[in-house]
Amino acid sequence: MDEIARLETELLDWCWDDYLSLGVIVRRLQDLYSEITNQEIREKTLQIVGRLLMQPDIRVGQFSKVGMHSDSRTKYRFDCWDMDVKDSLARINEEWNLLDGLPNVGEIAWLVTEEGCFLIS
């Protein structure tokens, strides 16, 4: 199994355990490839996200604020994007264009299993 295949397996497992930020994928690629360019990171990230989204029950989306908890913490909901893989990748690419570099954790999108969609925390 090559490094990318191992990484994809690791990231798929992550999706089943927690929300996976696009920024984590970027960081893991930087860890794997010390000489990788930002453009190569972008291309590989989009390829990985596309393959993950082809898996049953994996969805992509973003958190949105929905109010406040009684202890003054912000309440969030995770909203899955209602679009196919191609459109999801196009949206990620468009939002990436608006950044000043590589996405950090929490920026652009998260991947999660279908169970994680619309959960409020």
PDB file of N, CA and C in Angstrom:
ATOM      1  N   MET A   1       0.853  -1.179   0.000  1.00  0.00           N
ATOM      2  CA  MET A   1       0.000   0.000   0.000  1.00  0.00           C
ATOM      3  C   MET A   1       0.901   1.244   0.000  1.00  0.00           C
ATOM      4  N   ASP A   2       0.644   2.169  -0.909  1.00  0.00           N
ATOM      5  CA  ASP A   2       1.476   3.363  -0.968  1.00  0.00           C
ATOM      6  C   ASP A   2       1.059   4.376   0.104  1.00  0.00           C
ATOM      7  N   GLU A   3       1.854   5.445   0.214  1.00  0.00           N
ATOM      8  CA  GLU A   3       1.627   6.435   1.288  1.00  0.00           C
ATOM      9  C   GLU A   3       0.258   7.099   1.186  1.00  0.00           C
ATOM     10  N   ILE A   4      -0.174   7.449  -0.021  1.00  0.00           N
ATOM     11  CA  ILE A   4      -1.475   8.117  -0.192  1.00  0.00           C
ATOM     12  C   ILE A   4      -2.603   7.170   0.180  1.00  0.00           C
ATOM     13  N   ALA A   5      -2.507   5.908  -0.217  1.00  0.00           N
ATOM     14  CA  ALA A   5      -3.541   4.929   0.130  1.00  0.00           C
ATOM     15  C   ALA A   5      -3.620   4.748   1.646  1.00  0.00           C
ATOM     16  N   ARG A   6      -2.466   4.700   2.308  1.00  0.00           N
ATOM     17  CA  ARG A   6      -2.460   4.592   3.776  1.00  0.00           C
ATOM     18  C   ARG A   6      -3.084   5.835   4.407  1.00  0.00           C
ATOM     19  N   LEU A   7      -2.728   6.999   3.863  1.00  0.00           N
ATOM     20  CA  LEU A   7      -3.299   8.245   4.377  1.00  0.00           C
ATOM     21  C   LEU A   7      -4.810   8.261   4.191  1.00  0.00           C
ATOM     22  N   GLU A   8      -5.294   7.860   3.036  1.00  0.00           N
ATOM     23  CA  GLU A   8      -6.738   7.831   2.796  1.00  0.00           C
ATOM     24  C   GLU A   8      -7.450   6.897   3.774  1.00  0.00           C
ATOM     25  N   THR A   9      -6.849   5.753   4.055  1.00  0.00           N
ATOM     26  CA  THR A   9      -7.430   4.826   5.030  1.00  0.00           C
ATOM     27  C   THR A   9      -7.489   5.469   6.408  1.00  0.00           C
ATOM     28  N   GLU A  10      -6.402   6.125   6.794  1.00  0.00           N
ATOM     29  CA  GLU A  10      -6.348   6.825   8.083  1.00  0.00           C
ATOM     30  C   GLU A  10      -7.428   7.913   8.159  1.00  0.00           C
ATOM     31  N   LEU A  11      -7.571   8.684   7.082  1.00  0.00           N
ATOM     32  CA  LEU A  11      -8.546   9.775   7.067  1.00  0.00           C
ATOM     33  C   LEU A  11      -9.978   9.262   7.045  1.00  0.00           C
ATOM     34  N   LEU A  12     -10.208   8.153   6.351  1.00  0.00           N
ATOM     35  CA  LEU A  12     -11.541   7.550   6.359  1.00  0.00           C
ATOM     36  C   LEU A  12     -11.900   7.091   7.765  1.00  0.00           C
ATOM     37  N   ASP A  13     -10.965   6.471   8.457  1.00  0.00           N
ATOM     38  CA  ASP A  13     -11.197   6.070   9.852  1.00  0.00           C
ATOM     39  C   ASP A  13     -11.494   7.295  10.712  1.00  0.00           C
ATOM     40  N   TRP A  14     -10.781   8.386  10.482  1.00  0.00           N
ATOM     41  CA  TRP A  14     -10.992   9.622  11.228  1.00  0.00           C
ATOM     42  C   TRP A  14     -12.439  10.092  11.046  1.00  0.00           C
ATOM     43  N   CYS A  15     -12.932  10.028   9.809  1.00  0.00           N
ATOM     44  CA  CYS A  15     -14.312  10.471   9.538  1.00  0.00           C
ATOM     45  C   CYS A  15     -15.325   9.681  10.360  1.00  0.00           C
ATOM     46  N   TRP A  16     -15.034   8.430  10.617  1.00  0.00           N
ATOM     47  CA  TRP A  16     -15.950   7.601  11.404  1.00  0.00           C
ATOM     48  C   TRP A  16     -15.869   7.912  12.886  1.00  0.00           C
ATOM     49  N   ASP A  17     -14.757   8.516  13.315  1.00  0.00           N
ATOM     50  CA  ASP A  17     -14.573   8.824  14.730  1.00  0.00           C
ATOM     51  C   ASP A  17     -14.905  10.269  15.080  1.00  0.00           C
ATOM     52  N   ASP A  18     -14.745  11.185  14.112  1.00  0.00           N
ATOM     53  CA  ASP A  18     -14.831  12.612  14.412  1.00  0.00           C
ATOM     54  C   ASP A  18     -15.009  13.367  13.107  1.00  0.00           C
ATOM     55  N   TYR A  19     -15.128  14.667  13.207  1.00  0.00           N
ATOM     56  CA  TYR A  19     -15.143  15.531  12.035  1.00  0.00           C
ATOM     57  C   TYR A  19     -13.714  15.704  11.544  1.00  0.00           C
ATOM     58  N   LEU A  20     -13.509  15.638  10.224  1.00  0.00           N
ATOM     59  CA  LEU A  20     -12.185  15.758   9.622  1.00  0.00           C
ATOM     60  C   LEU A  20     -12.110  17.066   8.855  1.00  0.00           C
ATOM     61  N   SER A  21     -11.295  17.976   9.322  1.00  0.00           N
ATOM     62  CA  SER A  21     -11.121  19.263   8.664  1.00  0.00           C
ATOM     63  C   SER A  21     -10.212  19.135   7.444  1.00  0.00           C
ATOM     64  N   LEU A  22     -10.520  19.914   6.432  1.00  0.00           N
ATOM     65  CA  LEU A  22      -9.667  19.981   5.250  1.00  0.00           C
ATOM     66  C   LEU A  22      -8.237  20.356   5.656  1.00  0.00           C
ATOM     67  N   GLY A  23      -8.105  21.226   6.654  1.00  0.00           N
ATOM     68  CA  GLY A  23      -6.790  21.635   7.131  1.00  0.00           C
ATOM     69  C   GLY A  23      -5.961  20.480   7.666  1.00  0.00           C
ATOM     70  N   VAL A  24      -6.607  19.467   8.219  1.00  0.00           N
ATOM     71  CA  VAL A  24      -5.878  18.290   8.707  1.00  0.00           C
ATOM     72  C   VAL A  24      -5.288  17.521   7.534  1.00  0.00           C
ATOM     73  N   ILE A  25      -6.054  17.393   6.459  1.00  0.00           N
ATOM     74  CA  ILE A  25      -5.547  16.704   5.266  1.00  0.00           C
ATOM     75  C   ILE A  25      -4.311  17.433   4.743  1.00  0.00           C
ATOM     76  N   VAL A  26      -4.390  18.748   4.674  1.00  0.00           N
ATOM     77  CA  VAL A  26      -3.258  19.563   4.226  1.00  0.00           C
ATOM     78  C   VAL A  26      -2.038  19.297   5.101  1.00  0.00           C
ATOM     79  N   ARG A  27      -2.200  19.315   6.414  1.00  0.00           N
ATOM     80  CA  ARG A  27      -1.069  19.115   7.337  1.00  0.00           C
ATOM     81  C   ARG A  27      -0.470  17.720   7.194  1.00  0.00           C
ATOM     82  N   ARG A  28      -1.340  16.729   7.015  1.00  0.00           N
ATOM     83  CA  ARG A  28      -0.833  15.357   6.868  1.00  0.00           C
ATOM     84  C   ARG A  28      -0.018  15.217   5.581  1.00  0.00           C
ATOM     85  N   LEU A  29      -0.466  15.891   4.505  1.00  0.00           N
ATOM     86  CA  LEU A  29       0.311  15.865   3.260  1.00  0.00           C
ATOM     87  C   LEU A  29       1.655  16.551   3.444  1.00  0.00           C
ATOM     88  N   GLN A  30       1.677  17.657   4.171  1.00  0.00           N
ATOM     89  CA  GLN A  30       2.944  18.335   4.453  1.00  0.00           C
ATOM     90  C   GLN A  30       3.877  17.436   5.257  1.00  0.00           C
ATOM     91  N   ASP A  31       3.309  16.660   6.178  1.00  0.00           N
ATOM     92  CA  ASP A  31       4.123  15.728   6.965  1.00  0.00           C
ATOM     93  C   ASP A  31       4.719  14.625   6.085  1.00  0.00           C
ATOM     94  N   LEU A  32       3.936  14.158   5.110  1.00  0.00           N
ATOM     95  CA  LEU A  32       4.382  13.065   4.246  1.00  0.00           C
ATOM     96  C   LEU A  32       5.418  13.503   3.223  1.00  0.00           C
ATOM     97  N   TYR A  33       5.256  14.705   2.713  1.00  0.00           N
ATOM     98  CA  TYR A  33       6.093  15.176   1.604  1.00  0.00           C
ATOM     99  C   TYR A  33       6.741  16.504   1.971  1.00  0.00           C
ATOM    100  N   SER A  34       7.979  16.465   2.344  1.00  0.00           N
ATOM    101  CA  SER A  34       8.654  17.685   2.794  1.00  0.00           C
ATOM    102  C   SER A  34       8.879  18.689   1.664  1.00  0.00           C
ATOM    103  N   GLU A  35       8.962  18.253   0.438  1.00  0.00           N
ATOM    104  CA  GLU A  35       9.245  19.131  -0.702  1.00  0.00           C
ATOM    105  C   GLU A  35       7.991  19.481  -1.508  1.00  0.00           C
ATOM    106  N   ILE A  36       6.811  19.232  -0.992  1.00  0.00           N
ATOM    107  CA  ILE A  36       5.577  19.430  -1.751  1.00  0.00           C
ATOM    108  C   ILE A  36       5.236  20.925  -1.862  1.00  0.00           C
ATOM    109  N   THR A  37       4.777  21.328  -3.038  1.00  0.00           N
ATOM    110  CA  THR A  37       4.386  22.724  -3.247  1.00  0.00           C
ATOM    111  C   THR A  37       2.925  22.923  -2.811  1.00  0.00           C
ATOM    112  N   ASN A  38       2.546  24.170  -2.627  1.00  0.00           N
ATOM    113  CA  ASN A  38       1.155  24.467  -2.269  1.00  0.00           C
ATOM    114  C   ASN A  38       0.195  23.986  -3.347  1.00  0.00           C
ATOM    115  N   GLN A  39       0.566  24.106  -4.613  1.00  0.00           N
ATOM    116  CA  GLN A  39      -0.307  23.641  -5.697  1.00  0.00           C
ATOM    117  C   GLN A  39      -0.452  22.125  -5.666  1.00  0.00           C
ATOM    118  N   GLU A  40       0.637  21.413  -5.382  1.00  0.00           N
ATOM    119  CA  GLU A  40       0.574  19.951  -5.277  1.00  0.00           C
ATOM    120  C   GLU A  40      -0.280  19.534  -4.082  1.00  0.00           C
ATOM    121  N   ILE A  41      -0.167  20.270  -2.981  1.00  0.00           N
ATOM    122  CA  ILE A  41      -1.010  19.985  -1.817  1.00  0.00           C
ATOM    123  C   ILE A  41      -2.475  20.151  -2.192  1.00  0.00           C
ATOM    124  N   ARG A  42      -2.785  21.216  -2.881  1.00  0.00           N
ATOM    125  CA  ARG A  42      -4.160  21.478  -3.297  1.00  0.00           C
ATOM    126  C   ARG A  42      -4.681  20.340  -4.175  1.00  0.00           C
ATOM    127  N   GLU A  43      -3.908  19.954  -5.176  1.00  0.00           N
ATOM    128  CA  GLU A  43      -4.325  18.887  -6.089  1.00  0.00           C
ATOM    129  C   GLU A  43      -4.531  17.571  -5.349  1.00  0.00           C
ATOM    130  N   LYS A  44      -3.574  17.207  -4.503  1.00  0.00           N
ATOM    131  CA  LYS A  44      -3.689  15.948  -3.757  1.00  0.00           C
ATOM    132  C   LYS A  44      -4.846  15.992  -2.768  1.00  0.00           C
ATOM    133  N   THR A  45      -5.051  17.142  -2.123  1.00  0.00           N
ATOM    134  CA  THR A  45      -6.167  17.278  -1.181  1.00  0.00           C
ATOM    135  C   THR A  45      -7.491  17.071  -1.897  1.00  0.00           C
ATOM    136  N   LEU A  46      -7.661  17.697  -3.042  1.00  0.00           N
ATOM    137  CA  LEU A  46      -8.910  17.549  -3.793  1.00  0.00           C
ATOM    138  C   LEU A  46      -9.100  16.113  -4.270  1.00  0.00           C
ATOM    139  N   GLN A  47      -8.022  15.454  -4.661  1.00  0.00           N
ATOM    140  CA  GLN A  47      -8.120  14.048  -5.063  1.00  0.00           C
ATOM    141  C   GLN A  47      -8.550  13.173  -3.886  1.00  0.00           C
ATOM    142  N   ILE A  48      -7.930  13.396  -2.740  1.00  0.00           N
ATOM    143  CA  ILE A  48      -8.258  12.615  -1.550  1.00  0.00           C
ATOM    144  C   ILE A  48      -9.706  12.859  -1.131  1.00  0.00           C
ATOM    145  N   VAL A  49     -10.104  14.115  -1.077  1.00  0.00           N
ATOM    146  CA  VAL A  49     -11.488  14.435  -0.695  1.00  0.00           C
ATOM    147  C   VAL A  49     -12.453  13.781  -1.664  1.00  0.00           C
ATOM    148  N   GLY A  50     -12.161  13.843  -2.947  1.00  0.00           N
ATOM    149  CA  GLY A  50     -13.037  13.206  -3.939  1.00  0.00           C
ATOM    150  C   GLY A  50     -13.177  11.715  -3.699  1.00  0.00           C
ATOM    151  N   ARG A  51     -12.072  11.045  -3.412  1.00  0.00           N
ATOM    152  CA  ARG A  51     -12.143   9.599  -3.150  1.00  0.00           C
ATOM    153  C   ARG A  51     -12.875   9.302  -1.842  1.00  0.00           C
ATOM    154  N   LEU A  52     -12.652  10.137  -0.823  1.00  0.00           N
ATOM    155  CA  LEU A  52     -13.376   9.923   0.442  1.00  0.00           C
ATOM    156  C   LEU A  52     -14.879  10.101   0.243  1.00  0.00           C
ATOM    157  N   LEU A  53     -15.266  11.094  -0.554  1.00  0.00           N
ATOM    158  CA  LEU A  53     -16.692  11.348  -0.778  1.00  0.00           C
ATOM    159  C   LEU A  53     -17.358  10.257  -1.618  1.00  0.00           C
ATOM    160  N   MET A  54     -16.568   9.443  -2.277  1.00  0.00           N
ATOM    161  CA  MET A  54     -17.120   8.311  -3.027  1.00  0.00           C
ATOM    162  C   MET A  54     -17.468   7.144  -2.094  1.00  0.00           C
ATOM    163  N   GLN A  55     -17.004   7.220  -0.857  1.00  0.00           N
ATOM    164  CA  GLN A  55     -17.300   6.170   0.122  1.00  0.00           C
ATOM    165  C   GLN A  55     -18.731   6.317   0.634  1.00  0.00           C
ATOM    166  N   PRO A  56     -19.407   5.208   0.885  1.00  0.00           N
ATOM    167  CA  PRO A  56     -20.763   5.301   1.430  1.00  0.00           C
ATOM    168  C   PRO A  56     -20.770   6.046   2.771  1.00  0.00           C
ATOM    169  N   ASP A  57     -21.719   6.907   2.936  1.00  0.00           N
ATOM    170  CA  ASP A  57     -21.966   7.626   4.194  1.00  0.00           C
ATOM    171  C   ASP A  57     -20.986   8.746   4.524  1.00  0.00           C
ATOM    172  N   ILE A  58     -20.017   9.054   3.668  1.00  0.00           N
ATOM    173  CA  ILE A  58     -19.124  10.185   3.938  1.00  0.00           C
ATOM    174  C   ILE A  58     -19.707  11.425   3.270  1.00  0.00           C
ATOM    175  N   ARG A  59     -19.808  12.494   4.044  1.00  0.00           N
ATOM    176  CA  ARG A  59     -20.388  13.749   3.571  1.00  0.00           C
ATOM    177  C   ARG A  59     -19.426  14.902   3.853  1.00  0.00           C
ATOM    178  N   VAL A  60     -19.658  15.994   3.181  1.00  0.00           N
ATOM    179  CA  VAL A  60     -18.856  17.193   3.374  1.00  0.00           C
ATOM    180  C   VAL A  60     -19.784  18.343   3.732  1.00  0.00           C
ATOM    181  N   GLY A  61     -19.286  19.262   4.554  1.00  0.00           N
ATOM    182  CA  GLY A  61     -20.095  20.407   4.945  1.00  0.00           C
ATOM    183  C   GLY A  61     -19.292  21.360   5.803  1.00  0.00           C
ATOM    184  N   GLN A  62     -20.028  22.186   6.564  1.00  0.00           N
ATOM    185  CA  GLN A  62     -19.385  23.196   7.405  1.00  0.00           C
ATOM    186  C   GLN A  62     -20.260  23.453   8.620  1.00  0.00           C
ATOM    187  N   PHE A  63     -19.633  23.902   9.679  1.00  0.00           N
ATOM    188  CA  PHE A  63     -20.351  24.273  10.891  1.00  0.00           C
ATOM    189  C   PHE A  63     -20.966  25.656  10.732  1.00  0.00           C
ATOM    190  N   SER A  64     -22.109  25.846  11.351  1.00  0.00           N
ATOM    191  CA  SER A  64     -22.721  27.176  11.399  1.00  0.00           C
ATOM    192  C   SER A  64     -23.191  27.431  12.826  1.00  0.00           C
ATOM    193  N   LYS A  65     -23.115  28.705  13.226  1.00  0.00           N
ATOM    194  CA  LYS A  65     -23.572  29.088  14.565  1.00  0.00           C
ATOM    195  C   LYS A  65     -25.099  29.097  14.577  1.00  0.00           C
ATOM    196  N   VAL A  66     -25.661  28.533  15.646  1.00  0.00           N
ATOM    197  CA  VAL A  66     -27.124  28.480  15.748  1.00  0.00           C
ATOM    198  C   VAL A  66     -27.645  29.053  17.060  1.00  0.00           C
ATOM    199  N   GLY A  67     -26.784  29.628  17.873  1.00  0.00           N
ATOM    200  CA  GLY A  67     -27.247  30.199  19.134  1.00  0.00           C
ATOM    201  C   GLY A  67     -26.206  30.071  20.222  1.00  0.00           C
ATOM    202  N   MET A  68     -26.701  30.154  21.451  1.00  0.00           N
ATOM    203  CA  MET A  68     -25.811  30.090  22.613  1.00  0.00           C
ATOM    204  C   MET A  68     -26.323  29.046  23.595  1.00  0.00           C
ATOM    205  N   HIS A  69     -25.394  28.368  24.236  1.00  0.00           N
ATOM    206  CA  HIS A  69     -25.726  27.484  25.346  1.00  0.00           C
ATOM    207  C   HIS A  69     -26.011  28.352  26.569  1.00  0.00           C
ATOM    208  N   SER A  70     -26.617  27.774  27.581  1.00  0.00           N
ATOM    209  CA  SER A  70     -26.936  28.527  28.798  1.00  0.00           C
ATOM    210  C   SER A  70     -25.682  29.021  29.519  1.00  0.00           C
ATOM    211  N   ASP A  71     -24.536  28.372  29.293  1.00  0.00           N
ATOM    212  CA  ASP A  71     -23.287  28.797  29.927  1.00  0.00           C
ATOM    213  C   ASP A  71     -22.472  29.741  29.028  1.00  0.00           C
ATOM    214  N   SER A  72     -23.119  30.343  28.046  1.00  0.00           N
ATOM    215  CA  SER A  72     -22.544  31.357  27.146  1.00  0.00           C
ATOM    216  C   SER A  72     -21.582  30.813  26.090  1.00  0.00           C
ATOM    217  N   ARG A  73     -21.497  29.505  25.950  1.00  0.00           N
ATOM    218  CA  ARG A  73     -20.710  28.952  24.841  1.00  0.00           C
ATOM    219  C   ARG A  73     -21.552  28.999  23.569  1.00  0.00           C
ATOM    220  N   THR A  74     -20.898  29.206  22.444  1.00  0.00           N
ATOM    221  CA  THR A  74     -21.610  29.235  21.166  1.00  0.00           C
ATOM    222  C   THR A  74     -22.091  27.835  20.806  1.00  0.00           C
ATOM    223  N   LYS A  75     -23.286  27.755  20.295  1.00  0.00           N
ATOM    224  CA  LYS A  75     -23.878  26.491  19.850  1.00  0.00           C
ATOM    225  C   LYS A  75     -23.731  26.413  18.330  1.00  0.00           C
ATOM    226  N   TYR A  76     -23.241  25.272  17.837  1.00  0.00           N
ATOM    227  CA  TYR A  76     -23.014  25.066  16.417  1.00  0.00           C
ATOM    228  C   TYR A  76     -23.830  23.897  15.896  1.00  0.00           C
ATOM    229  N   ARG A  77     -24.116  23.971  14.600  1.00  0.00           N
ATOM    230  CA  ARG A  77     -24.744  22.850  13.893  1.00  0.00           C
ATOM    231  C   ARG A  77     -23.853  22.546  12.699  1.00  0.00           C
ATOM    232  N   PHE A  78     -23.727  21.260  12.382  1.00  0.00           N
ATOM    233  CA  PHE A  78     -22.981  20.879  11.189  1.00  0.00           C
ATOM    234  C   PHE A  78     -23.981  20.662  10.063  1.00  0.00           C
ATOM    235  N   ASP A  79     -23.807  21.425   8.993  1.00  0.00           N
ATOM    236  CA  ASP A  79     -24.681  21.327   7.824  1.00  0.00           C
ATOM    237  C   ASP A  79     -23.941  20.654   6.685  1.00  0.00           C
ATOM    238  N   CYS A  80     -24.435  19.496   6.250  1.00  0.00           N
ATOM    239  CA  CYS A  80     -23.869  18.829   5.085  1.00  0.00           C
ATOM    240  C   CYS A  80     -24.315  19.560   3.826  1.00  0.00           C
ATOM    241  N   TRP A  81     -23.401  19.668   2.876  1.00  0.00           N
ATOM    242  CA  TRP A  81     -23.725  20.297   1.609  1.00  0.00           C
ATOM    243  C   TRP A  81     -24.561  19.330   0.781  1.00  0.00           C
ATOM    244  N   ASP A  82     -25.621  19.821   0.219  1.00  0.00           N
ATOM    245  CA  ASP A  82     -26.516  19.004  -0.602  1.00  0.00           C
ATOM    246  C   ASP A  82     -26.073  19.105  -2.060  1.00  0.00           C
ATOM    247  N   MET A  83     -24.966  18.439  -2.375  1.00  0.00           N
ATOM    248  CA  MET A  83     -24.436  18.464  -3.741  1.00  0.00           C
ATOM    249  C   MET A  83     -23.623  17.211  -3.994  1.00  0.00           C
ATOM    250  N   ASP A  84     -23.423  16.907  -5.264  1.00  0.00           N
ATOM    251  CA  ASP A  84     -22.649  15.711  -5.604  1.00  0.00           C
ATOM    252  C   ASP A  84     -21.150  15.974  -5.419  1.00  0.00           C
ATOM    253  N   VAL A  85     -20.360  14.932  -5.643  1.00  0.00           N
ATOM    254  CA  VAL A  85     -18.916  15.019  -5.414  1.00  0.00           C
ATOM    255  C   VAL A  85     -18.297  16.105  -6.287  1.00  0.00           C
ATOM    256  N   LYS A  86     -18.632  16.131  -7.564  1.00  0.00           N
ATOM    257  CA  LYS A  86     -18.060  17.111  -8.488  1.00  0.00           C
ATOM    258  C   LYS A  86     -18.339  18.535  -8.020  1.00  0.00           C
ATOM    259  N   ASP A  87     -19.571  18.817  -7.639  1.00  0.00           N
ATOM    260  CA  ASP A  87     -19.926  20.162  -7.188  1.00  0.00           C
ATOM    261  C   ASP A  87     -19.284  20.485  -5.838  1.00  0.00           C
ATOM    262  N   SER A  88     -19.157  19.484  -4.973  1.00  0.00           N
ATOM    263  CA  SER A  88     -18.489  19.691  -3.684  1.00  0.00           C
ATOM    264  C   SER A  88     -17.032  20.073  -3.890  1.00  0.00           C
ATOM    265  N   LEU A  89     -16.356  19.373  -4.792  1.00  0.00           N
ATOM    266  CA  LEU A  89     -14.949  19.683  -5.075  1.00  0.00           C
ATOM    267  C   LEU A  89     -14.817  21.063  -5.710  1.00  0.00           C
ATOM    268  N   ALA A  90     -15.763  21.424  -6.572  1.00  0.00           N
ATOM    269  CA  ALA A  90     -15.733  22.759  -7.179  1.00  0.00           C
ATOM    270  C   ALA A  90     -15.906  23.831  -6.111  1.00  0.00           C
ATOM    271  N   ARG A  91     -16.809  23.596  -5.153  1.00  0.00           N
ATOM    272  CA  ARG A  91     -17.023  24.573  -4.074  1.00  0.00           C
ATOM    273  C   ARG A  91     -15.767  24.710  -3.221  1.00  0.00           C
ATOM    274  N   ILE A  92     -15.157  23.580  -2.871  1.00  0.00           N
ATOM    275  CA  ILE A  92     -13.927  23.620  -2.083  1.00  0.00           C
ATOM    276  C   ILE A  92     -12.859  24.408  -2.841  1.00  0.00           C
ATOM    277  N   ASN A  93     -12.715  24.136  -4.124  1.00  0.00           N
ATOM    278  CA  ASN A  93     -11.720  24.823  -4.938  1.00  0.00           C
ATOM    279  C   ASN A  93     -11.993  26.327  -4.992  1.00  0.00           C
ATOM    280  N   GLU A  94     -13.248  26.710  -5.164  1.00  0.00           N
ATOM    281  CA  GLU A  94     -13.614  28.131  -5.201  1.00  0.00           C
ATOM    282  C   GLU A  94     -13.312  28.820  -3.869  1.00  0.00           C
ATOM    283  N   GLU A  95     -13.664  28.174  -2.765  1.00  0.00           N
ATOM    284  CA  GLU A  95     -13.401  28.769  -1.456  1.00  0.00           C
ATOM    285  C   GLU A  95     -11.903  28.805  -1.161  1.00  0.00           C
ATOM    286  N   TRP A  96     -11.169  27.823  -1.664  1.00  0.00           N
ATOM    287  CA  TRP A  96      -9.711  27.801  -1.501  1.00  0.00           C
ATOM    288  C   TRP A  96      -9.111  29.017  -2.206  1.00  0.00           C
ATOM    289  N   ASN A  97      -9.661  29.374  -3.369  1.00  0.00           N
ATOM    290  CA  ASN A  97      -9.165  30.542  -4.114  1.00  0.00           C
ATOM    291  C   ASN A  97      -9.253  31.824  -3.297  1.00  0.00           C
ATOM    292  N   LEU A  98     -10.172  31.888  -2.360  1.00  0.00           N
ATOM    293  CA  LEU A  98     -10.366  33.091  -1.549  1.00  0.00           C
ATOM    294  C   LEU A  98      -9.370  33.199  -0.391  1.00  0.00           C
ATOM    295  N   LEU A  99      -8.664  32.117  -0.115  1.00  0.00           N
ATOM    296  CA  LEU A  99      -7.710  32.108   1.001  1.00  0.00           C
ATOM    297  C   LEU A  99      -6.370  32.687   0.576  1.00  0.00           C
ATOM    298  N   ASP A 100      -5.635  33.099   1.560  1.00  0.00           N
ATOM    299  CA  ASP A 100      -4.276  33.595   1.367  1.00  0.00           C
ATOM    300  C   ASP A 100      -3.290  32.468   1.668  1.00  0.00           C
ATOM    301  N   GLY A 101      -3.346  31.399   0.935  1.00  0.00           N
ATOM    302  CA  GLY A 101      -2.471  30.262   1.188  1.00  0.00           C
ATOM    303  C   GLY A 101      -3.268  28.994   1.397  1.00  0.00           C
ATOM    304  N   LEU A 102      -2.746  28.140   2.268  1.00  0.00           N
ATOM    305  CA  LEU A 102      -3.372  26.846   2.537  1.00  0.00           C
ATOM    306  C   LEU A 102      -4.436  26.979   3.623  1.00  0.00           C
ATOM    307  N   PRO A 103      -5.479  26.147   3.555  1.00  0.00           N
ATOM    308  CA  PRO A 103      -6.511  26.215   4.593  1.00  0.00           C
ATOM    309  C   PRO A 103      -6.013  25.698   5.931  1.00  0.00           C
ATOM    310  N   ASN A 104      -6.440  26.365   6.980  1.00  0.00           N
ATOM    311  CA  ASN A 104      -6.188  25.916   8.347  1.00  0.00           C
ATOM    312  C   ASN A 104      -7.343  25.042   8.803  1.00  0.00           C
ATOM    313  N   VAL A 105      -7.168  24.426   9.938  1.00  0.00           N
ATOM    314  CA  VAL A 105      -8.237  23.614  10.512  1.00  0.00           C
ATOM    315  C   VAL A 105      -9.473  24.495  10.701  1.00  0.00           C
ATOM    316  N   GLY A 106     -10.588  24.011  10.196  1.00  0.00           N
ATOM    317  CA  GLY A 106     -11.856  24.729  10.329  1.00  0.00           C
ATOM    318  C   GLY A 106     -12.239  25.553   9.120  1.00  0.00           C
ATOM    319  N   GLU A 107     -11.279  25.808   8.242  1.00  0.00           N
ATOM    320  CA  GLU A 107     -11.581  26.618   7.059  1.00  0.00           C
ATOM    321  C   GLU A 107     -12.086  25.736   5.916  1.00  0.00           C
ATOM    322  N   ILE A 108     -13.000  26.253   5.167  1.00  0.00           N
ATOM    323  CA  ILE A 108     -13.601  25.702   3.952  1.00  0.00           C
ATOM    324  C   ILE A 108     -14.581  24.574   4.239  1.00  0.00           C
ATOM    325  N   ALA A 109     -14.090  23.434   4.724  1.00  0.00           N
ATOM    326  CA  ALA A 109     -14.993  22.283   4.831  1.00  0.00           C
ATOM    327  C   ALA A 109     -14.473  21.247   5.822  1.00  0.00           C
ATOM    328  N   TRP A 110     -15.406  20.397   6.222  1.00  0.00           N
ATOM    329  CA  TRP A 110     -15.127  19.244   7.070  1.00  0.00           C
ATOM    330  C   TRP A 110     -15.761  18.027   6.411  1.00  0.00           C
ATOM    331  N   LEU A 111     -15.188  16.855   6.668  1.00  0.00           N
ATOM    332  CA  LEU A 111     -15.791  15.602   6.231  1.00  0.00           C
ATOM    333  C   LEU A 111     -16.239  14.835   7.462  1.00  0.00           C
ATOM    334  N   VAL A 112     -17.325  14.105   7.300  1.00  0.00           N
ATOM    335  CA  VAL A 112     -17.915  13.391   8.427  1.00  0.00           C
ATOM    336  C   VAL A 112     -18.811  12.288   7.875  1.00  0.00           C
ATOM    337  N   THR A 113     -19.166  11.345   8.721  1.00  0.00           N
ATOM    338  CA  THR A 113     -20.162  10.359   8.295  1.00  0.00           C
ATOM    339  C   THR A 113     -21.536  11.017   8.276  1.00  0.00           C
ATOM    340  N   GLU A 114     -22.453  10.400   7.598  1.00  0.00           N
ATOM    341  CA  GLU A 114     -23.803  10.944   7.486  1.00  0.00           C
ATOM    342  C   GLU A 114     -24.431  11.204   8.854  1.00  0.00           C
ATOM    343  N   GLU A 115     -24.083  10.376   9.838  1.00  0.00           N
ATOM    344  CA  GLU A 115     -24.608  10.576  11.199  1.00  0.00           C
ATOM    345  C   GLU A 115     -24.258  11.925  11.792  1.00  0.00           C
ATOM    346  N   GLY A 116     -23.123  12.484  11.386  1.00  0.00           N
ATOM    347  CA  GLY A 116     -22.666  13.752  11.942  1.00  0.00           C
ATOM    348  C   GLY A 116     -23.361  14.974  11.371  1.00  0.00           C
ATOM    349  N   CYS A 117     -24.097  14.805  10.302  1.00  0.00           N
ATOM    350  CA  CYS A 117     -24.782  15.938   9.679  1.00  0.00           C
ATOM    351  C   CYS A 117     -25.916  16.430  10.561  1.00  0.00           C
ATOM    352  N   PHE A 118     -26.012  17.725  10.670  1.00  0.00           N
ATOM    353  CA  PHE A 118     -27.091  18.412  11.376  1.00  0.00           C
ATOM    354  C   PHE A 118     -27.068  18.230  12.885  1.00  0.00           C
ATOM    355  N   LEU A 119     -25.997  17.691  13.411  1.00  0.00           N
ATOM    356  CA  LEU A 119     -25.901  17.555  14.860  1.00  0.00           C
ATOM    357  C   LEU A 119     -25.598  18.920  15.471  1.00  0.00           C
ATOM    358  N   ILE A 120     -26.182  19.170  16.611  1.00  0.00           N
ATOM    359  CA  ILE A 120     -25.942  20.430  17.321  1.00  0.00           C
ATOM    360  C   ILE A 120     -25.078  20.119  18.529  1.00  0.00           C
ATOM    361  N   SER A 121     -24.019  20.928  18.690  1.00  0.00           N
ATOM    362  CA  SER A 121     -23.141  20.720  19.852  1.00  0.00           C
ATOM    363  C   SER A 121     -22.887  22.030  20.538  1.00  0.00           C
TER     364      SER A 121
END
